């Protein structure tokens, strides 16, 4: 099984703009380790990292672009926080 676990896109808005915390969700990392230990293929998709790298941009198309990136990895199972 090929699983993709997706972290959230919750952003904190400050007077200076949006604060993006790119530290991954430790619960998702533990699930990935468990899946891999059971012989499955598993990885993390963190849209906040994609935002900081410029692979995604804030705006009306954010979720569609993230969905396209998720589907491009061709997972059999997707889990969201």
PDB file of N, CA and C in Angstrom:
ATOM      1  N   UNK A   1       0.848  -1.179   0.000  1.00  0.00           N
ATOM      2  CA  UNK A   1       0.000   0.000   0.000  1.00  0.00           C
ATOM      3  C   UNK A   1       0.893   1.241   0.000  1.00  0.00           C
ATOM      4  N   UNK A   2       0.500   2.228  -0.761  1.00  0.00           N
ATOM      5  CA  UNK A   2       1.206   3.511  -0.816  1.00  0.00           C
ATOM      6  C   UNK A   2       0.333   4.567  -0.142  1.00  0.00           C
ATOM      7  N   UNK A   3       0.804   5.049   1.008  1.00  0.00           N
ATOM      8  CA  UNK A   3       0.027   6.009   1.792  1.00  0.00           C
ATOM      9  C   UNK A   3       0.702   7.375   1.772  1.00  0.00           C
ATOM     10  N   UNK A   4      -0.114   8.401   1.750  1.00  0.00           N
ATOM     11  CA  UNK A   4       0.367   9.775   1.840  1.00  0.00           C
ATOM     12  C   UNK A   4      -0.398  10.455   2.964  1.00  0.00           C
ATOM     13  N   UNK A   5       0.323  10.923   3.964  1.00  0.00           N
ATOM     14  CA  UNK A   5      -0.301  11.619   5.086  1.00  0.00           C
ATOM     15  C   UNK A   5      -0.065  13.116   4.911  1.00  0.00           C
ATOM     16  N   UNK A   6      -1.121  13.887   5.064  1.00  0.00           N
ATOM     17  CA  UNK A   6      -1.104  15.311   4.746  1.00  0.00           C
ATOM     18  C   UNK A   6      -1.253  16.134   6.018  1.00  0.00           C
ATOM     19  N   UNK A   7      -0.294  17.016   6.249  1.00  0.00           N
ATOM     20  CA  UNK A   7      -0.346  17.920   7.388  1.00  0.00           C
ATOM     21  C   UNK A   7      -1.308  19.059   7.079  1.00  0.00           C
ATOM     22  N   UNK A   8      -1.656  19.835   8.090  1.00  0.00           N
ATOM     23  CA  UNK A   8      -2.640  20.906   7.915  1.00  0.00           C
ATOM     24  C   UNK A   8      -2.020  22.173   7.316  1.00  0.00           C
ATOM     25  N   UNK A   9      -2.879  23.116   6.962  1.00  0.00           N
ATOM     26  CA  UNK A   9      -2.454  24.386   6.387  1.00  0.00           C
ATOM     27  C   UNK A   9      -2.887  25.545   7.288  1.00  0.00           C
ATOM     28  N   UNK A  10      -3.005  25.288   8.574  1.00  0.00           N
ATOM     29  CA  UNK A  10      -3.410  26.351   9.479  1.00  0.00           C
ATOM     30  C   UNK A  10      -2.300  27.386   9.585  1.00  0.00           C
ATOM     31  N   UNK A  11      -2.645  28.636   9.332  1.00  0.00           N
ATOM     32  CA  UNK A  11      -1.672  29.723   9.368  1.00  0.00           C
ATOM     33  C   UNK A  11      -2.118  30.766  10.385  1.00  0.00           C
ATOM     34  N   UNK A  12      -1.159  31.333  11.087  1.00  0.00           N
ATOM     35  CA  UNK A  12      -1.458  32.400  12.038  1.00  0.00           C
ATOM     36  C   UNK A  12      -1.194  33.738  11.359  1.00  0.00           C
ATOM     37  N   UNK A  13      -2.197  34.598  11.356  1.00  0.00           N
ATOM     38  CA  UNK A  13      -2.031  35.913  10.745  1.00  0.00           C
ATOM     39  C   UNK A  13      -1.564  36.908  11.803  1.00  0.00           C
ATOM     40  N   UNK A  14      -0.492  37.627  11.466  1.00  0.00           N
ATOM     41  CA  UNK A  14       0.044  38.656  12.346  1.00  0.00           C
ATOM     42  C   UNK A  14       0.007  39.985  11.607  1.00  0.00           C
ATOM     43  N   UNK A  15       0.402  41.041  12.274  1.00  0.00           N
ATOM     44  CA  UNK A  15       0.441  42.353  11.616  1.00  0.00           C
ATOM     45  C   UNK A  15       1.488  42.392  10.500  1.00  0.00           C
ATOM     46  N   UNK A  16       2.436  41.456  10.530  1.00  0.00           N
ATOM     47  CA  UNK A  16       3.500  41.392   9.525  1.00  0.00           C
ATOM     48  C   UNK A  16       3.151  40.432   8.377  1.00  0.00           C
ATOM     49  N   UNK A  17       2.005  39.783   8.461  1.00  0.00           N
ATOM     50  CA  UNK A  17       1.620  38.805   7.440  1.00  0.00           C
ATOM     51  C   UNK A  17       1.307  37.476   8.101  1.00  0.00           C
ATOM     52  N   UNK A  18       1.460  36.390   7.358  1.00  0.00           N
ATOM     53  CA  UNK A  18       1.161  35.072   7.890  1.00  0.00           C
ATOM     54  C   UNK A  18       2.408  34.445   8.503  1.00  0.00           C
ATOM     55  N   UNK A  19       2.236  33.826   9.655  1.00  0.00           N
ATOM     56  CA  UNK A  19       3.296  33.099  10.329  1.00  0.00           C
ATOM     57  C   UNK A  19       3.132  31.629   9.959  1.00  0.00           C
ATOM     58  N   UNK A  20       4.145  31.058   9.344  1.00  0.00           N
ATOM     59  CA  UNK A  20       4.080  29.671   8.901  1.00  0.00           C
ATOM     60  C   UNK A  20       5.046  28.847   9.743  1.00  0.00           C
ATOM     61  N   UNK A  21       4.512  27.909  10.507  1.00  0.00           N
ATOM     62  CA  UNK A  21       5.327  27.008  11.309  1.00  0.00           C
ATOM     63  C   UNK A  21       5.522  25.738  10.488  1.00  0.00           C
ATOM     64  N   UNK A  22       6.739  25.500  10.016  1.00  0.00           N
ATOM     65  CA  UNK A  22       6.980  24.363   9.120  1.00  0.00           C
ATOM     66  C   UNK A  22       7.446  23.104   9.848  1.00  0.00           C
ATOM     67  N   UNK A  23       7.332  23.080  11.159  1.00  0.00           N
ATOM     68  CA  UNK A  23       7.675  21.855  11.873  1.00  0.00           C
ATOM     69  C   UNK A  23       6.590  20.816  11.626  1.00  0.00           C
ATOM     70  N   UNK A  24       6.987  19.619  11.209  1.00  0.00           N
ATOM     71  CA  UNK A  24       5.985  18.599  10.861  1.00  0.00           C
ATOM     72  C   UNK A  24       5.253  18.074  12.089  1.00  0.00           C
ATOM     73  N   UNK A  25       4.096  17.549  11.835  1.00  0.00           N
ATOM     74  CA  UNK A  25       3.226  16.962  12.851  1.00  0.00           C
ATOM     75  C   UNK A  25       3.848  15.638  13.312  1.00  0.00           C
ATOM     76  N   UNK A  26       4.252  15.557  14.578  1.00  0.00           N
ATOM     77  CA  UNK A  26       4.943  14.362  15.071  1.00  0.00           C
ATOM     78  C   UNK A  26       4.057  13.120  15.041  1.00  0.00           C
ATOM     79  N   UNK A  27       2.755  13.301  15.212  1.00  0.00           N
ATOM     80  CA  UNK A  27       1.845  12.160  15.124  1.00  0.00           C
ATOM     81  C   UNK A  27       1.856  11.541  13.734  1.00  0.00           C
ATOM     82  N   UNK A  28       1.907  12.390  12.713  1.00  0.00           N
ATOM     83  CA  UNK A  28       1.960  11.877  11.334  1.00  0.00           C
ATOM     84  C   UNK A  28       3.277  11.149  11.082  1.00  0.00           C
ATOM     85  N   UNK A  29       4.354  11.687  11.620  1.00  0.00           N
ATOM     86  CA  UNK A  29       5.659  11.036  11.445  1.00  0.00           C
ATOM     87  C   UNK A  29       5.655   9.662  12.119  1.00  0.00           C
ATOM     88  N   UNK A  30       5.040   9.568  13.288  1.00  0.00           N
ATOM     89  CA  UNK A  30       4.946   8.273  13.970  1.00  0.00           C
ATOM     90  C   UNK A  30       4.113   7.289  13.150  1.00  0.00           C
ATOM     91  N   UNK A  31       3.009   7.759  12.560  1.00  0.00           N
ATOM     92  CA  UNK A  31       2.195   6.883  11.708  1.00  0.00           C
ATOM     93  C   UNK A  31       2.971   6.418  10.482  1.00  0.00           C
ATOM     94  N   UNK A  32       3.742   7.308   9.893  1.00  0.00           N
ATOM     95  CA  UNK A  32       4.560   6.944   8.734  1.00  0.00           C
ATOM     96  C   UNK A  32       5.576   5.877   9.117  1.00  0.00           C
ATOM     97  N   UNK A  33       6.220   6.046  10.250  1.00  0.00           N
ATOM     98  CA  UNK A  33       7.201   5.049  10.715  1.00  0.00           C
ATOM     99  C   UNK A  33       6.530   3.696  10.945  1.00  0.00           C
ATOM    100  N   UNK A  34       5.334   3.706  11.506  1.00  0.00           N
ATOM    101  CA  UNK A  34       4.602   2.467  11.746  1.00  0.00           C
ATOM    102  C   UNK A  34       4.222   1.792  10.432  1.00  0.00           C
ATOM    103  N   UNK A  35       3.732   2.588   9.486  1.00  0.00           N
ATOM    104  CA  UNK A  35       3.382   2.022   8.174  1.00  0.00           C
ATOM    105  C   UNK A  35       4.604   1.439   7.479  1.00  0.00           C
ATOM    106  N   UNK A  36       5.704   2.167   7.497  1.00  0.00           N
ATOM    107  CA  UNK A  36       6.923   1.668   6.863  1.00  0.00           C
ATOM    108  C   UNK A  36       7.426   0.407   7.551  1.00  0.00           C
ATOM    109  N   UNK A  37       7.314   0.389   8.885  1.00  0.00           N
ATOM    110  CA  UNK A  37       7.729  -0.799   9.636  1.00  0.00           C
ATOM    111  C   UNK A  37       6.885  -2.017   9.325  1.00  0.00           C
ATOM    112  N   UNK A  38       5.676  -1.787   8.831  1.00  0.00           N
ATOM    113  CA  UNK A  38       4.773  -2.885   8.446  1.00  0.00           C
ATOM    114  C   UNK A  38       4.903  -3.236   6.970  1.00  0.00           C
ATOM    115  N   UNK A  39       5.889  -2.643   6.304  1.00  0.00           N
ATOM    116  CA  UNK A  39       6.138  -2.993   4.904  1.00  0.00           C
ATOM    117  C   UNK A  39       5.414  -2.144   3.881  1.00  0.00           C
ATOM    118  N   UNK A  40       4.788  -1.069   4.319  1.00  0.00           N
ATOM    119  CA  UNK A  40       4.076  -0.195   3.390  1.00  0.00           C
ATOM    120  C   UNK A  40       4.943   0.994   2.993  1.00  0.00           C
ATOM    121  N   UNK A  41       4.607   1.586   1.882  1.00  0.00           N
ATOM    122  CA  UNK A  41       5.262   2.810   1.435  1.00  0.00           C
ATOM    123  C   UNK A  41       4.454   3.981   1.993  1.00  0.00           C
ATOM    124  N   UNK A  42       5.115   4.901   2.680  1.00  0.00           N
ATOM    125  CA  UNK A  42       4.394   6.018   3.288  1.00  0.00           C
ATOM    126  C   UNK A  42       5.275   7.261   3.276  1.00  0.00           C
ATOM    127  N   UNK A  43       4.631   8.413   3.063  1.00  0.00           N
ATOM    128  CA  UNK A  43       5.364   9.671   3.099  1.00  0.00           C
ATOM    129  C   UNK A  43       4.458  10.791   3.599  1.00  0.00           C
ATOM    130  N   UNK A  44       5.089  11.908   3.912  1.00  0.00           N
ATOM    131  CA  UNK A  44       4.400  13.083   4.423  1.00  0.00           C
ATOM    132  C   UNK A  44       4.324  14.149   3.336  1.00  0.00           C
ATOM    133  N   UNK A  45       3.162  14.747   3.196  1.00  0.00           N
ATOM    134  CA  UNK A  45       3.014  15.934   2.348  1.00  0.00           C
ATOM    135  C   UNK A  45       2.634  17.075   3.273  1.00  0.00           C
ATOM    136  N   UNK A  46       3.487  18.090   3.330  1.00  0.00           N
ATOM    137  CA  UNK A  46       3.236  19.246   4.193  1.00  0.00           C
ATOM    138  C   UNK A  46       3.056  20.478   3.320  1.00  0.00           C
ATOM    139  N   UNK A  47       1.816  20.938   3.143  1.00  0.00           N
ATOM    140  CA  UNK A  47       1.584  22.093   2.279  1.00  0.00           C
ATOM    141  C   UNK A  47       2.255  23.372   2.782  1.00  0.00           C
ATOM    142  N   UNK A  48       2.538  23.452   4.080  1.00  0.00           N
ATOM    143  CA  UNK A  48       3.240  24.636   4.598  1.00  0.00           C
ATOM    144  C   UNK A  48       4.662  24.702   4.054  1.00  0.00           C
ATOM    145  N   UNK A  49       5.293  23.548   3.902  1.00  0.00           N
ATOM    146  CA  UNK A  49       6.634  23.507   3.309  1.00  0.00           C
ATOM    147  C   UNK A  49       6.554  23.923   1.840  1.00  0.00           C
ATOM    148  N   UNK A  50       5.536  23.430   1.137  1.00  0.00           N
ATOM    149  CA  UNK A  50       5.347  23.818  -0.262  1.00  0.00           C
ATOM    150  C   UNK A  50       5.125  25.322  -0.388  1.00  0.00           C
ATOM    151  N   UNK A  51       4.422  25.912   0.574  1.00  0.00           N
ATOM    152  CA  UNK A  51       4.228  27.375   0.573  1.00  0.00           C
ATOM    153  C   UNK A  51       5.552  28.107   0.741  1.00  0.00           C
ATOM    154  N   UNK A  52       6.370  27.658   1.674  1.00  0.00           N
ATOM    155  CA  UNK A  52       7.647  28.348   1.908  1.00  0.00           C
ATOM    156  C   UNK A  52       8.621  28.167   0.752  1.00  0.00           C
ATOM    157  N   UNK A  53       8.507  27.062   0.022  1.00  0.00           N
ATOM    158  CA  UNK A  53       9.371  26.824  -1.143  1.00  0.00           C
ATOM    159  C   UNK A  53       8.849  27.508  -2.404  1.00  0.00           C
ATOM    160  N   UNK A  54       7.645  28.080  -2.340  1.00  0.00           N
ATOM    161  CA  UNK A  54       7.063  28.722  -3.513  1.00  0.00           C
ATOM    162  C   UNK A  54       6.361  27.756  -4.453  1.00  0.00           C
ATOM    163  N   UNK A  55       6.192  26.502  -4.033  1.00  0.00           N
ATOM    164  CA  UNK A  55       5.501  25.509  -4.857  1.00  0.00           C
ATOM    165  C   UNK A  55       3.988  25.686  -4.786  1.00  0.00           C
ATOM    166  N   UNK A  56       3.520  26.367  -3.752  1.00  0.00           N
ATOM    167  CA  UNK A  56       2.120  26.746  -3.583  1.00  0.00           C
ATOM    168  C   UNK A  56       2.100  28.229  -3.247  1.00  0.00           C
ATOM    169  N   UNK A  57       0.983  28.877  -3.517  1.00  0.00           N
ATOM    170  CA  UNK A  57       0.850  30.279  -3.123  1.00  0.00           C
ATOM    171  C   UNK A  57      -0.501  30.481  -2.455  1.00  0.00           C
ATOM    172  N   UNK A  58      -0.506  31.401  -1.484  1.00  0.00           N
ATOM    173  CA  UNK A  58      -1.756  31.714  -0.796  1.00  0.00           C
ATOM    174  C   UNK A  58      -2.701  32.399  -1.772  1.00  0.00           C
ATOM    175  N   UNK A  59      -3.926  31.989  -1.769  1.00  0.00           N
ATOM    176  CA  UNK A  59      -4.913  32.580  -2.659  1.00  0.00           C
ATOM    177  C   UNK A  59      -6.025  31.596  -2.925  1.00  0.00           C
ATOM    178  N   UNK A  60      -6.955  31.978  -3.793  1.00  0.00           N
ATOM    179  CA  UNK A  60      -8.125  31.140  -4.036  1.00  0.00           C
ATOM    180  C   UNK A  60      -7.799  29.770  -4.630  1.00  0.00           C
ATOM    181  N   UNK A  61      -6.672  29.605  -5.267  1.00  0.00           N
ATOM    182  CA  UNK A  61      -6.330  28.320  -5.882  1.00  0.00           C
ATOM    183  C   UNK A  61      -5.479  27.416  -5.006  1.00  0.00           C
ATOM    184  N   UNK A  62      -5.273  27.793  -3.752  1.00  0.00           N
ATOM    185  CA  UNK A  62      -4.383  27.041  -2.859  1.00  0.00           C
ATOM    186  C   UNK A  62      -4.785  25.576  -2.734  1.00  0.00           C
ATOM    187  N   UNK A  63      -6.042  25.325  -2.417  1.00  0.00           N
ATOM    188  CA  UNK A  63      -6.458  23.945  -2.158  1.00  0.00           C
ATOM    189  C   UNK A  63      -6.481  23.098  -3.424  1.00  0.00           C
ATOM    190  N   UNK A  64      -6.844  23.688  -4.539  1.00  0.00           N
ATOM    191  CA  UNK A  64      -6.816  22.943  -5.804  1.00  0.00           C
ATOM    192  C   UNK A  64      -5.374  22.563  -6.161  1.00  0.00           C
ATOM    193  N   UNK A  65      -4.452  23.509  -6.007  1.00  0.00           N
ATOM    194  CA  UNK A  65      -3.042  23.234  -6.310  1.00  0.00           C
ATOM    195  C   UNK A  65      -2.485  22.166  -5.369  1.00  0.00           C
ATOM    196  N   UNK A  66      -2.843  22.228  -4.086  1.00  0.00           N
ATOM    197  CA  UNK A  66      -2.388  21.216  -3.136  1.00  0.00           C
ATOM    198  C   UNK A  66      -2.960  19.848  -3.504  1.00  0.00           C
ATOM    199  N   UNK A  67      -4.235  19.811  -3.890  1.00  0.00           N
ATOM    200  CA  UNK A  67      -4.855  18.545  -4.296  1.00  0.00           C
ATOM    201  C   UNK A  67      -4.152  17.962  -5.517  1.00  0.00           C
ATOM    202  N   UNK A  68      -3.773  18.812  -6.459  1.00  0.00           N
ATOM    203  CA  UNK A  68      -3.054  18.339  -7.640  1.00  0.00           C
ATOM    204  C   UNK A  68      -1.696  17.761  -7.256  1.00  0.00           C
ATOM    205  N   UNK A  69      -1.006  18.411  -6.312  1.00  0.00           N
ATOM    206  CA  UNK A  69       0.286  17.894  -5.857  1.00  0.00           C
ATOM    207  C   UNK A  69       0.117  16.559  -5.135  1.00  0.00           C
ATOM    208  N   UNK A  70      -0.939  16.438  -4.358  1.00  0.00           N
ATOM    209  CA  UNK A  70      -1.214  15.179  -3.650  1.00  0.00           C
ATOM    210  C   UNK A  70      -1.496  14.064  -4.656  1.00  0.00           C
ATOM    211  N   UNK A  71      -2.365  14.319  -5.614  1.00  0.00           N
ATOM    212  CA  UNK A  71      -2.718  13.303  -6.606  1.00  0.00           C
ATOM    213  C   UNK A  71      -1.539  12.935  -7.505  1.00  0.00           C
ATOM    214  N   UNK A  72      -0.638  13.880  -7.741  1.00  0.00           N
ATOM    215  CA  UNK A  72       0.533  13.603  -8.587  1.00  0.00           C
ATOM    216  C   UNK A  72       1.435  12.534  -7.971  1.00  0.00           C
ATOM    217  N   UNK A  73       1.364  12.358  -6.681  1.00  0.00           N
ATOM    218  CA  UNK A  73       2.175  11.336  -6.000  1.00  0.00           C
ATOM    219  C   UNK A  73       1.539   9.944  -6.097  1.00  0.00           C
ATOM    220  N   UNK A  74       0.327   9.879  -6.638  1.00  0.00           N
ATOM    221  CA  UNK A  74      -0.397   8.639  -6.891  1.00  0.00           C
ATOM    222  C   UNK A  74      -0.517   7.740  -5.658  1.00  0.00           C
ATOM    223  N   UNK A  75      -1.008   8.277  -4.544  1.00  0.00           N
ATOM    224  CA  UNK A  75      -1.188   7.431  -3.368  1.00  0.00           C
ATOM    225  C   UNK A  75      -2.416   6.527  -3.507  1.00  0.00           C
ATOM    226  N   UNK A  76      -2.374   5.408  -2.810  1.00  0.00           N
ATOM    227  CA  UNK A  76      -3.545   4.550  -2.734  1.00  0.00           C
ATOM    228  C   UNK A  76      -4.450   4.984  -1.579  1.00  0.00           C
ATOM    229  N   UNK A  77      -3.831   5.565  -0.563  1.00  0.00           N
ATOM    230  CA  UNK A  77      -4.550   6.018   0.629  1.00  0.00           C
ATOM    231  C   UNK A  77      -4.013   7.389   0.995  1.00  0.00           C
ATOM    232  N   UNK A  78      -4.929   8.321   1.332  1.00  0.00           N
ATOM    233  CA  UNK A  78      -4.531   9.660   1.783  1.00  0.00           C
ATOM    234  C   UNK A  78      -5.173   9.888   3.137  1.00  0.00           C
ATOM    235  N   UNK A  79      -4.352  10.360   4.085  1.00  0.00           N
ATOM    236  CA  UNK A  79      -4.861  10.703   5.408  1.00  0.00           C
ATOM    237  C   UNK A  79      -4.578  12.172   5.695  1.00  0.00           C
ATOM    238  N   UNK A  80      -5.566  12.859   6.244  1.00  0.00           N
ATOM    239  CA  UNK A  80      -5.443  14.285   6.552  1.00  0.00           C
ATOM    240  C   UNK A  80      -5.509  14.499   8.062  1.00  0.00           C
ATOM    241  N   UNK A  81      -4.770  15.511   8.553  1.00  0.00           N
ATOM    242  CA  UNK A  81      -4.889  15.863   9.970  1.00  0.00           C
ATOM    243  C   UNK A  81      -6.159  16.649  10.163  1.00  0.00           C
TER     244      UNK A  81
END
